[in-house]
Amino acid sequence: MRIGQGIDAHAFRTGGRLVLGGVQIPHEQGLEAHSDGDVVLHALCDALLGAASLGDIGRHFPPEDPAYAGIDSRILLRKVVELVGRQGLQISNADITVVAQAPRLTSYIGAMREHIGSDLKLDISRVNIKATTTEHMGFIGRGEGIAAFAAVLLEE
């Protein structure tokens, strides 16, 4: 068994789309990023890559590479799943926490789980997503951005 953890955070920017867990969420701000800024999937990619001892998302998809400008992070996640599979590893489960003061995410978690389960080739019973706030503390609490934390378990 191998355990991996990943963390990602992005600042809000005026305009753009807010995409979390592969789901577009209505909000007046998007996230500043080279790709679509999906902190949920970026944290998940880093957790998977870490558990497989394959570095991090920036190593495989450098932010300075124009090929990844605005890319759908689900494409990146599927590529990471392929890399993990080539190592002879199978994904057992994923647990993700999204930290955002706004918007409220409860009604989008089911769709996020479905997208992630599909991309990881897992039953959604093996994908957990939680959302929390920071009770108005720090950059997240001030509404300046969103963060996500992910943990995964891989089996050899």
N, C-alpha and C. Protein backbone atom coordinates (compact mmCIF):
# COMPACT_ATOMS: atom_id res chain seq x y z
N MET A 1 0.85 -1.18 0.00
CA MET A 1 0.00 0.00 0.00
C MET A 1 0.89 1.24 0.00
N ARG A 2 0.44 2.28 -0.69
CA ARG A 2 1.15 3.55 -0.73
C ARG A 2 0.15 4.68 -0.47
N ILE A 3 0.54 5.62 0.35
CA ILE A 3 -0.31 6.76 0.67
C ILE A 3 0.30 8.01 0.05
N GLY A 4 -0.54 8.85 -0.51
CA GLY A 4 -0.09 10.13 -1.06
C GLY A 4 -0.99 11.24 -0.59
N GLN A 5 -0.40 12.43 -0.47
CA GLN A 5 -1.21 13.59 -0.12
C GLN A 5 -0.84 14.74 -1.05
N GLY A 6 -1.82 15.58 -1.32
CA GLY A 6 -1.60 16.73 -2.19
C GLY A 6 -2.35 17.94 -1.68
N ILE A 7 -1.79 19.10 -1.96
CA ILE A 7 -2.38 20.37 -1.53
C ILE A 7 -2.28 21.34 -2.71
N ASP A 8 -3.32 22.13 -2.91
CA ASP A 8 -3.26 23.19 -3.91
C ASP A 8 -4.11 24.36 -3.45
N ALA A 9 -3.72 25.55 -3.86
CA ALA A 9 -4.48 26.76 -3.54
C ALA A 9 -4.30 27.74 -4.70
N HIS A 10 -5.36 28.45 -5.01
CA HIS A 10 -5.31 29.49 -6.04
C HIS A 10 -6.08 30.70 -5.56
N ALA A 11 -5.62 31.86 -5.98
CA ALA A 11 -6.30 33.11 -5.68
C ALA A 11 -7.46 33.33 -6.64
N PHE A 12 -8.48 34.02 -6.16
CA PHE A 12 -9.57 34.42 -7.03
C PHE A 12 -9.10 35.54 -7.97
N ARG A 13 -9.76 35.61 -9.12
CA ARG A 13 -9.56 36.73 -10.04
C ARG A 13 -10.92 37.14 -10.57
N THR A 14 -11.03 38.36 -10.98
CA THR A 14 -12.29 38.85 -11.53
C THR A 14 -12.56 38.16 -12.85
N GLY A 15 -13.78 37.71 -13.02
CA GLY A 15 -14.16 37.04 -14.26
C GLY A 15 -13.66 35.61 -14.31
N GLY A 16 -13.84 35.00 -15.44
CA GLY A 16 -13.42 33.61 -15.61
C GLY A 16 -14.43 32.65 -15.02
N ARG A 17 -14.11 31.38 -15.13
CA ARG A 17 -14.98 30.32 -14.63
C ARG A 17 -14.39 29.75 -13.36
N LEU A 18 -15.27 29.29 -12.49
CA LEU A 18 -14.84 28.57 -11.29
C LEU A 18 -15.16 27.10 -11.53
N VAL A 19 -14.09 26.30 -11.61
CA VAL A 19 -14.22 24.86 -11.83
C VAL A 19 -13.59 24.15 -10.65
N LEU A 20 -14.36 23.28 -10.00
CA LEU A 20 -13.87 22.49 -8.87
C LEU A 20 -14.31 21.05 -9.05
N GLY A 21 -13.37 20.13 -8.98
CA GLY A 21 -13.71 18.72 -9.16
C GLY A 21 -14.31 18.43 -10.52
N GLY A 22 -13.94 19.23 -11.52
CA GLY A 22 -14.45 19.05 -12.87
C GLY A 22 -15.84 19.63 -13.09
N VAL A 23 -16.38 20.33 -12.10
CA VAL A 23 -17.73 20.88 -12.18
C VAL A 23 -17.64 22.41 -12.23
N GLN A 24 -18.31 23.00 -13.22
CA GLN A 24 -18.36 24.46 -13.27
C GLN A 24 -19.39 24.95 -12.25
N ILE A 25 -18.96 25.88 -11.42
CA ILE A 25 -19.79 26.36 -10.31
C ILE A 25 -20.07 27.85 -10.51
N PRO A 26 -21.33 28.24 -10.49
CA PRO A 26 -21.65 29.66 -10.66
C PRO A 26 -21.04 30.49 -9.53
N HIS A 27 -20.23 31.47 -9.90
CA HIS A 27 -19.60 32.36 -8.92
C HIS A 27 -19.12 33.58 -9.67
N GLU A 28 -19.06 34.71 -9.00
CA GLU A 28 -18.65 35.95 -9.66
C GLU A 28 -17.16 36.01 -9.96
N GLN A 29 -16.39 35.08 -9.43
CA GLN A 29 -14.95 35.06 -9.67
C GLN A 29 -14.49 33.67 -10.09
N GLY A 30 -13.42 33.65 -10.88
CA GLY A 30 -12.75 32.40 -11.21
C GLY A 30 -11.46 32.33 -10.42
N LEU A 31 -10.65 31.31 -10.68
CA LEU A 31 -9.37 31.17 -9.98
C LEU A 31 -8.22 31.47 -10.93
N GLU A 32 -7.25 32.19 -10.43
CA GLU A 32 -6.05 32.55 -11.19
C GLU A 32 -5.20 31.31 -11.38
N ALA A 33 -4.92 30.98 -12.64
CA ALA A 33 -4.12 29.77 -12.91
C ALA A 33 -3.74 29.71 -14.38
N HIS A 34 -2.73 28.92 -14.67
CA HIS A 34 -2.34 28.68 -16.06
C HIS A 34 -3.34 27.74 -16.73
N SER A 35 -3.80 26.73 -15.99
CA SER A 35 -4.81 25.81 -16.51
C SER A 35 -6.19 26.36 -16.14
N ASP A 36 -7.16 25.49 -15.93
CA ASP A 36 -8.49 25.96 -15.51
C ASP A 36 -8.55 26.28 -14.01
N GLY A 37 -7.46 26.03 -13.27
CA GLY A 37 -7.38 26.39 -11.86
C GLY A 37 -8.15 25.49 -10.92
N ASP A 38 -8.46 24.28 -11.34
CA ASP A 38 -9.25 23.36 -10.52
C ASP A 38 -8.40 22.83 -9.37
N VAL A 39 -8.45 23.52 -8.22
CA VAL A 39 -7.62 23.14 -7.07
C VAL A 39 -7.91 21.74 -6.57
N VAL A 40 -9.14 21.29 -6.72
CA VAL A 40 -9.51 19.94 -6.28
C VAL A 40 -8.73 18.90 -7.08
N LEU A 41 -8.77 19.02 -8.39
CA LEU A 41 -8.08 18.03 -9.22
C LEU A 41 -6.57 18.19 -9.17
N HIS A 42 -6.08 19.41 -8.97
CA HIS A 42 -4.63 19.61 -8.84
C HIS A 42 -4.10 18.94 -7.57
N ALA A 43 -4.82 19.11 -6.46
CA ALA A 43 -4.41 18.45 -5.22
C ALA A 43 -4.47 16.93 -5.37
N LEU A 44 -5.50 16.45 -6.06
CA LEU A 44 -5.64 15.01 -6.29
C LEU A 44 -4.50 14.48 -7.16
N CYS A 45 -4.15 15.21 -8.22
CA CYS A 45 -3.02 14.80 -9.06
C CYS A 45 -1.74 14.71 -8.24
N ASP A 46 -1.49 15.71 -7.41
CA ASP A 46 -0.28 15.68 -6.59
C ASP A 46 -0.28 14.51 -5.60
N ALA A 47 -1.45 14.20 -5.04
CA ALA A 47 -1.53 13.05 -4.12
C ALA A 47 -1.21 11.75 -4.85
N LEU A 48 -1.76 11.59 -6.04
CA LEU A 48 -1.50 10.38 -6.83
C LEU A 48 -0.04 10.28 -7.23
N LEU A 49 0.51 11.39 -7.73
CA LEU A 49 1.91 11.39 -8.15
C LEU A 49 2.84 11.14 -6.96
N GLY A 50 2.51 11.71 -5.82
CA GLY A 50 3.33 11.50 -4.63
C GLY A 50 3.32 10.06 -4.17
N ALA A 51 2.15 9.44 -4.15
CA ALA A 51 2.05 8.04 -3.72
C ALA A 51 2.82 7.12 -4.66
N ALA A 52 2.90 7.50 -5.93
CA ALA A 52 3.61 6.69 -6.91
C ALA A 52 5.08 7.09 -7.05
N SER A 53 5.54 8.03 -6.23
CA SER A 53 6.91 8.55 -6.28
C SER A 53 7.26 9.10 -7.66
N LEU A 54 6.31 9.87 -8.22
CA LEU A 54 6.49 10.43 -9.56
C LEU A 54 6.58 11.95 -9.56
N GLY A 55 6.95 12.54 -8.44
CA GLY A 55 7.11 13.99 -8.40
C GLY A 55 5.80 14.70 -8.15
N ASP A 56 5.61 15.82 -8.87
CA ASP A 56 4.41 16.62 -8.66
C ASP A 56 3.83 17.08 -9.99
N ILE A 57 2.69 17.73 -9.91
CA ILE A 57 1.97 18.15 -11.11
C ILE A 57 2.79 19.13 -11.96
N GLY A 58 3.55 20.02 -11.33
CA GLY A 58 4.37 20.98 -12.06
C GLY A 58 5.47 20.32 -12.87
N ARG A 59 5.96 19.18 -12.40
CA ARG A 59 7.00 18.45 -13.13
C ARG A 59 6.45 17.87 -14.42
N HIS A 60 5.23 17.37 -14.38
CA HIS A 60 4.63 16.72 -15.55
C HIS A 60 3.91 17.69 -16.47
N PHE A 61 3.37 18.77 -15.91
CA PHE A 61 2.60 19.75 -16.68
C PHE A 61 3.07 21.16 -16.29
N PRO A 62 4.25 21.56 -16.74
CA PRO A 62 4.85 22.82 -16.31
C PRO A 62 3.96 24.03 -16.65
N PRO A 63 3.78 24.94 -15.69
CA PRO A 63 2.93 26.10 -15.93
C PRO A 63 3.44 27.03 -17.03
N GLU A 64 4.72 26.96 -17.34
CA GLU A 64 5.25 27.81 -18.41
C GLU A 64 5.03 27.20 -19.80
N ASP A 65 4.54 25.97 -19.87
CA ASP A 65 4.30 25.31 -21.15
C ASP A 65 2.95 25.77 -21.71
N PRO A 66 2.96 26.41 -22.89
CA PRO A 66 1.70 26.90 -23.46
C PRO A 66 0.71 25.79 -23.80
N ALA A 67 1.16 24.56 -23.88
CA ALA A 67 0.26 23.44 -24.17
C ALA A 67 -0.79 23.26 -23.08
N TYR A 68 -0.49 23.75 -21.88
CA TYR A 68 -1.41 23.55 -20.76
C TYR A 68 -2.20 24.81 -20.41
N ALA A 69 -2.08 25.84 -21.22
CA ALA A 69 -2.82 27.09 -20.96
C ALA A 69 -4.32 26.84 -21.06
N GLY A 70 -5.02 27.06 -19.97
CA GLY A 70 -6.47 26.91 -19.95
C GLY A 70 -6.98 25.48 -20.03
N ILE A 71 -6.09 24.50 -19.93
CA ILE A 71 -6.48 23.09 -20.11
C ILE A 71 -7.46 22.64 -19.02
N ASP A 72 -8.36 21.79 -19.40
CA ASP A 72 -9.30 21.15 -18.48
C ASP A 72 -8.49 20.22 -17.58
N SER A 73 -8.55 20.43 -16.29
CA SER A 73 -7.76 19.62 -15.35
C SER A 73 -8.17 18.16 -15.32
N ARG A 74 -9.35 17.83 -15.83
CA ARG A 74 -9.73 16.42 -15.93
C ARG A 74 -8.82 15.70 -16.91
N ILE A 75 -8.37 16.40 -17.93
CA ILE A 75 -7.41 15.81 -18.89
C ILE A 75 -6.11 15.51 -18.16
N LEU A 76 -5.65 16.45 -17.33
CA LEU A 76 -4.42 16.23 -16.56
C LEU A 76 -4.59 15.05 -15.60
N LEU A 77 -5.74 14.98 -14.93
CA LEU A 77 -5.99 13.87 -13.99
C LEU A 77 -5.94 12.53 -14.72
N ARG A 78 -6.57 12.44 -15.89
CA ARG A 78 -6.55 11.18 -16.64
C ARG A 78 -5.13 10.79 -17.03
N LYS A 79 -4.30 11.78 -17.38
CA LYS A 79 -2.90 11.48 -17.72
C LYS A 79 -2.15 10.97 -16.49
N VAL A 80 -2.43 11.56 -15.33
CA VAL A 80 -1.80 11.12 -14.09
C VAL A 80 -2.23 9.68 -13.77
N VAL A 81 -3.50 9.37 -13.95
CA VAL A 81 -4.00 8.01 -13.72
C VAL A 81 -3.25 7.02 -14.61
N GLU A 82 -2.99 7.40 -15.85
CA GLU A 82 -2.21 6.53 -16.76
C GLU A 82 -0.80 6.32 -16.23
N LEU A 83 -0.15 7.40 -15.78
CA LEU A 83 1.21 7.30 -15.24
C LEU A 83 1.26 6.37 -14.03
N VAL A 84 0.28 6.51 -13.14
CA VAL A 84 0.21 5.66 -11.95
C VAL A 84 0.02 4.20 -12.36
N GLY A 85 -0.85 3.96 -13.32
CA GLY A 85 -1.10 2.60 -13.80
C GLY A 85 0.14 1.96 -14.41
N ARG A 86 0.95 2.76 -15.10
CA ARG A 86 2.18 2.24 -15.70
C ARG A 86 3.20 1.80 -14.65
N GLN A 87 3.03 2.28 -13.42
CA GLN A 87 3.90 1.88 -12.31
C GLN A 87 3.42 0.59 -11.65
N GLY A 88 2.36 0.00 -12.20
CA GLY A 88 1.80 -1.23 -11.63
C GLY A 88 0.98 -0.96 -10.37
N LEU A 89 0.48 0.27 -10.25
CA LEU A 89 -0.29 0.66 -9.07
C LEU A 89 -1.76 0.84 -9.42
N GLN A 90 -2.60 0.49 -8.46
CA GLN A 90 -4.04 0.63 -8.63
C GLN A 90 -4.55 1.57 -7.54
N ILE A 91 -5.44 2.48 -7.94
CA ILE A 91 -6.01 3.44 -6.99
C ILE A 91 -7.07 2.74 -6.16
N SER A 92 -6.97 2.87 -4.85
CA SER A 92 -7.94 2.26 -3.95
C SER A 92 -9.03 3.24 -3.54
N ASN A 93 -8.64 4.45 -3.16
CA ASN A 93 -9.63 5.45 -2.78
C ASN A 93 -9.01 6.84 -2.78
N ALA A 94 -9.88 7.85 -2.71
CA ALA A 94 -9.44 9.24 -2.63
C ALA A 94 -10.34 9.97 -1.63
N ASP A 95 -9.72 10.81 -0.82
CA ASP A 95 -10.45 11.63 0.14
C ASP A 95 -9.97 13.07 -0.05
N ILE A 96 -10.90 13.99 -0.30
CA ILE A 96 -10.56 15.36 -0.66
C ILE A 96 -11.32 16.32 0.24
N THR A 97 -10.64 17.38 0.68
CA THR A 97 -11.27 18.46 1.43
C THR A 97 -11.07 19.75 0.66
N VAL A 98 -12.16 20.46 0.40
CA VAL A 98 -12.11 21.76 -0.26
C VAL A 98 -12.33 22.81 0.83
N VAL A 99 -11.48 23.83 0.85
CA VAL A 99 -11.59 24.89 1.84
C VAL A 99 -11.93 26.18 1.11
N ALA A 100 -13.17 26.66 1.32
CA ALA A 100 -13.65 27.87 0.64
C ALA A 100 -14.65 28.58 1.53
N GLN A 101 -14.51 29.86 1.67
CA GLN A 101 -15.51 30.64 2.41
C GLN A 101 -16.77 30.77 1.56
N ALA A 102 -16.58 30.94 0.27
CA ALA A 102 -17.68 31.03 -0.69
C ALA A 102 -17.12 30.57 -2.03
N PRO A 103 -17.95 29.99 -2.86
CA PRO A 103 -19.38 29.72 -2.70
C PRO A 103 -19.63 28.46 -1.87
N ARG A 104 -20.86 28.25 -1.50
CA ARG A 104 -21.26 27.02 -0.82
C ARG A 104 -21.19 25.89 -1.84
N LEU A 105 -20.63 24.76 -1.46
CA LEU A 105 -20.34 23.69 -2.42
C LEU A 105 -21.19 22.44 -2.24
N THR A 106 -22.00 22.36 -1.21
CA THR A 106 -22.73 21.14 -0.88
C THR A 106 -23.49 20.57 -2.07
N SER A 107 -24.16 21.41 -2.83
CA SER A 107 -24.99 20.89 -3.93
C SER A 107 -24.17 20.42 -5.14
N TYR A 108 -22.87 20.66 -5.15
CA TYR A 108 -22.02 20.26 -6.27
C TYR A 108 -21.15 19.03 -5.97
N ILE A 109 -21.13 18.61 -4.72
CA ILE A 109 -20.24 17.52 -4.32
C ILE A 109 -20.58 16.22 -5.03
N GLY A 110 -21.84 15.91 -5.19
CA GLY A 110 -22.23 14.68 -5.89
C GLY A 110 -21.68 14.62 -7.31
N ALA A 111 -21.80 15.71 -8.05
CA ALA A 111 -21.28 15.76 -9.43
C ALA A 111 -19.76 15.67 -9.44
N MET A 112 -19.11 16.31 -8.46
CA MET A 112 -17.65 16.21 -8.36
C MET A 112 -17.23 14.76 -8.15
N ARG A 113 -17.91 14.07 -7.25
CA ARG A 113 -17.58 12.67 -6.96
C ARG A 113 -17.76 11.81 -8.21
N GLU A 114 -18.82 12.07 -8.97
CA GLU A 114 -19.05 11.30 -10.20
C GLU A 114 -17.94 11.52 -11.21
N HIS A 115 -17.56 12.77 -11.43
CA HIS A 115 -16.47 13.06 -12.38
C HIS A 115 -15.16 12.41 -11.94
N ILE A 116 -14.83 12.58 -10.68
CA ILE A 116 -13.57 12.03 -10.18
C ILE A 116 -13.59 10.51 -10.20
N GLY A 117 -14.69 9.91 -9.77
CA GLY A 117 -14.80 8.46 -9.83
C GLY A 117 -14.61 7.94 -11.25
N SER A 118 -15.22 8.60 -12.21
CA SER A 118 -15.07 8.21 -13.62
C SER A 118 -13.61 8.33 -14.05
N ASP A 119 -12.97 9.46 -13.75
CA ASP A 119 -11.59 9.67 -14.18
C ASP A 119 -10.60 8.74 -13.49
N LEU A 120 -10.89 8.38 -12.23
CA LEU A 120 -10.02 7.45 -11.50
C LEU A 120 -10.36 5.99 -11.77
N LYS A 121 -11.47 5.77 -12.49
CA LYS A 121 -11.98 4.42 -12.76
C LYS A 121 -12.33 3.71 -11.45
N LEU A 122 -12.98 4.47 -10.57
CA LEU A 122 -13.39 3.97 -9.26
C LEU A 122 -14.88 4.16 -9.07
N ASP A 123 -15.48 3.26 -8.33
CA ASP A 123 -16.85 3.46 -7.89
C ASP A 123 -16.86 4.70 -6.99
N ILE A 124 -17.92 5.51 -7.07
CA ILE A 124 -17.92 6.74 -6.28
C ILE A 124 -17.95 6.47 -4.78
N SER A 125 -18.25 5.25 -4.39
CA SER A 125 -18.18 4.93 -2.96
C SER A 125 -16.74 4.99 -2.45
N ARG A 126 -15.77 5.05 -3.36
CA ARG A 126 -14.35 5.13 -2.99
C ARG A 126 -13.80 6.55 -3.16
N VAL A 127 -14.70 7.51 -3.44
CA VAL A 127 -14.31 8.91 -3.60
C VAL A 127 -15.11 9.74 -2.60
N ASN A 128 -14.41 10.41 -1.71
CA ASN A 128 -15.07 11.25 -0.72
C ASN A 128 -14.63 12.69 -0.91
N ILE A 129 -15.59 13.61 -0.83
CA ILE A 129 -15.28 15.04 -0.91
C ILE A 129 -16.03 15.74 0.22
N LYS A 130 -15.27 16.58 0.92
CA LYS A 130 -15.84 17.39 2.00
C LYS A 130 -15.55 18.85 1.69
N ALA A 131 -16.41 19.72 2.18
CA ALA A 131 -16.17 21.16 2.03
C ALA A 131 -16.23 21.80 3.41
N THR A 132 -15.35 22.76 3.62
CA THR A 132 -15.33 23.48 4.89
C THR A 132 -14.93 24.92 4.64
N THR A 133 -15.04 25.75 5.66
CA THR A 133 -14.61 27.14 5.59
C THR A 133 -13.48 27.33 6.60
N THR A 134 -12.95 28.54 6.66
CA THR A 134 -11.96 28.86 7.68
C THR A 134 -12.53 29.83 8.70
N GLU A 135 -13.86 29.92 8.75
CA GLU A 135 -14.53 30.82 9.70
C GLU A 135 -13.98 32.24 9.57
N HIS A 136 -13.80 32.67 8.32
CA HIS A 136 -13.36 34.04 7.97
C HIS A 136 -11.92 34.34 8.35
N MET A 137 -11.11 33.32 8.62
CA MET A 137 -9.70 33.54 8.94
C MET A 137 -8.85 33.36 7.69
N GLY A 138 -7.75 34.09 7.58
CA GLY A 138 -6.77 33.92 6.52
C GLY A 138 -7.27 34.32 5.14
N PHE A 139 -6.44 34.03 4.11
CA PHE A 139 -6.79 34.44 2.75
C PHE A 139 -8.07 33.80 2.26
N ILE A 140 -8.34 32.58 2.69
CA ILE A 140 -9.59 31.92 2.27
C ILE A 140 -10.77 32.59 2.95
N GLY A 141 -10.67 32.84 4.22
CA GLY A 141 -11.74 33.47 4.97
C GLY A 141 -12.05 34.88 4.49
N ARG A 142 -11.04 35.57 3.96
CA ARG A 142 -11.25 36.92 3.42
C ARG A 142 -11.81 36.87 2.00
N GLY A 143 -12.02 35.66 1.47
CA GLY A 143 -12.56 35.53 0.12
C GLY A 143 -11.55 35.79 -0.97
N GLU A 144 -10.27 35.55 -0.68
CA GLU A 144 -9.22 35.80 -1.66
C GLU A 144 -8.87 34.58 -2.50
N GLY A 145 -9.34 33.39 -2.10
CA GLY A 145 -9.01 32.20 -2.86
C GLY A 145 -9.61 30.95 -2.25
N ILE A 146 -9.23 29.82 -2.83
CA ILE A 146 -9.73 28.50 -2.42
C ILE A 146 -8.54 27.55 -2.34
N ALA A 147 -8.60 26.60 -1.43
CA ALA A 147 -7.58 25.56 -1.32
C ALA A 147 -8.23 24.19 -1.29
N ALA A 148 -7.45 23.17 -1.58
CA ALA A 148 -7.94 21.79 -1.51
C ALA A 148 -6.81 20.90 -1.01
N PHE A 149 -7.19 19.87 -0.28
CA PHE A 149 -6.27 18.87 0.26
C PHE A 149 -6.77 17.51 -0.19
N ALA A 150 -5.87 16.64 -0.62
CA ALA A 150 -6.28 15.32 -1.08
C ALA A 150 -5.37 14.25 -0.48
N ALA A 151 -5.96 13.11 -0.19
CA ALA A 151 -5.21 11.93 0.25
C ALA A 151 -5.70 10.75 -0.58
N VAL A 152 -4.75 9.91 -1.00
CA VAL A 152 -5.10 8.72 -1.77
C VAL A 152 -4.37 7.51 -1.23
N LEU A 153 -4.92 6.37 -1.53
CA LEU A 153 -4.29 5.11 -1.20
C LEU A 153 -4.14 4.33 -2.50
N LEU A 154 -2.92 3.88 -2.76
CA LEU A 154 -2.63 3.05 -3.95
C LEU A 154 -2.22 1.66 -3.48
N GLU A 155 -2.57 0.68 -4.30
CA GLU A 155 -2.18 -0.71 -4.02
C GLU A 155 -1.26 -1.19 -5.13
N GLU A 156 -0.22 -1.94 -4.71
CA GLU A 156 0.69 -2.52 -5.71
C GLU A 156 0.11 -3.78 -6.28
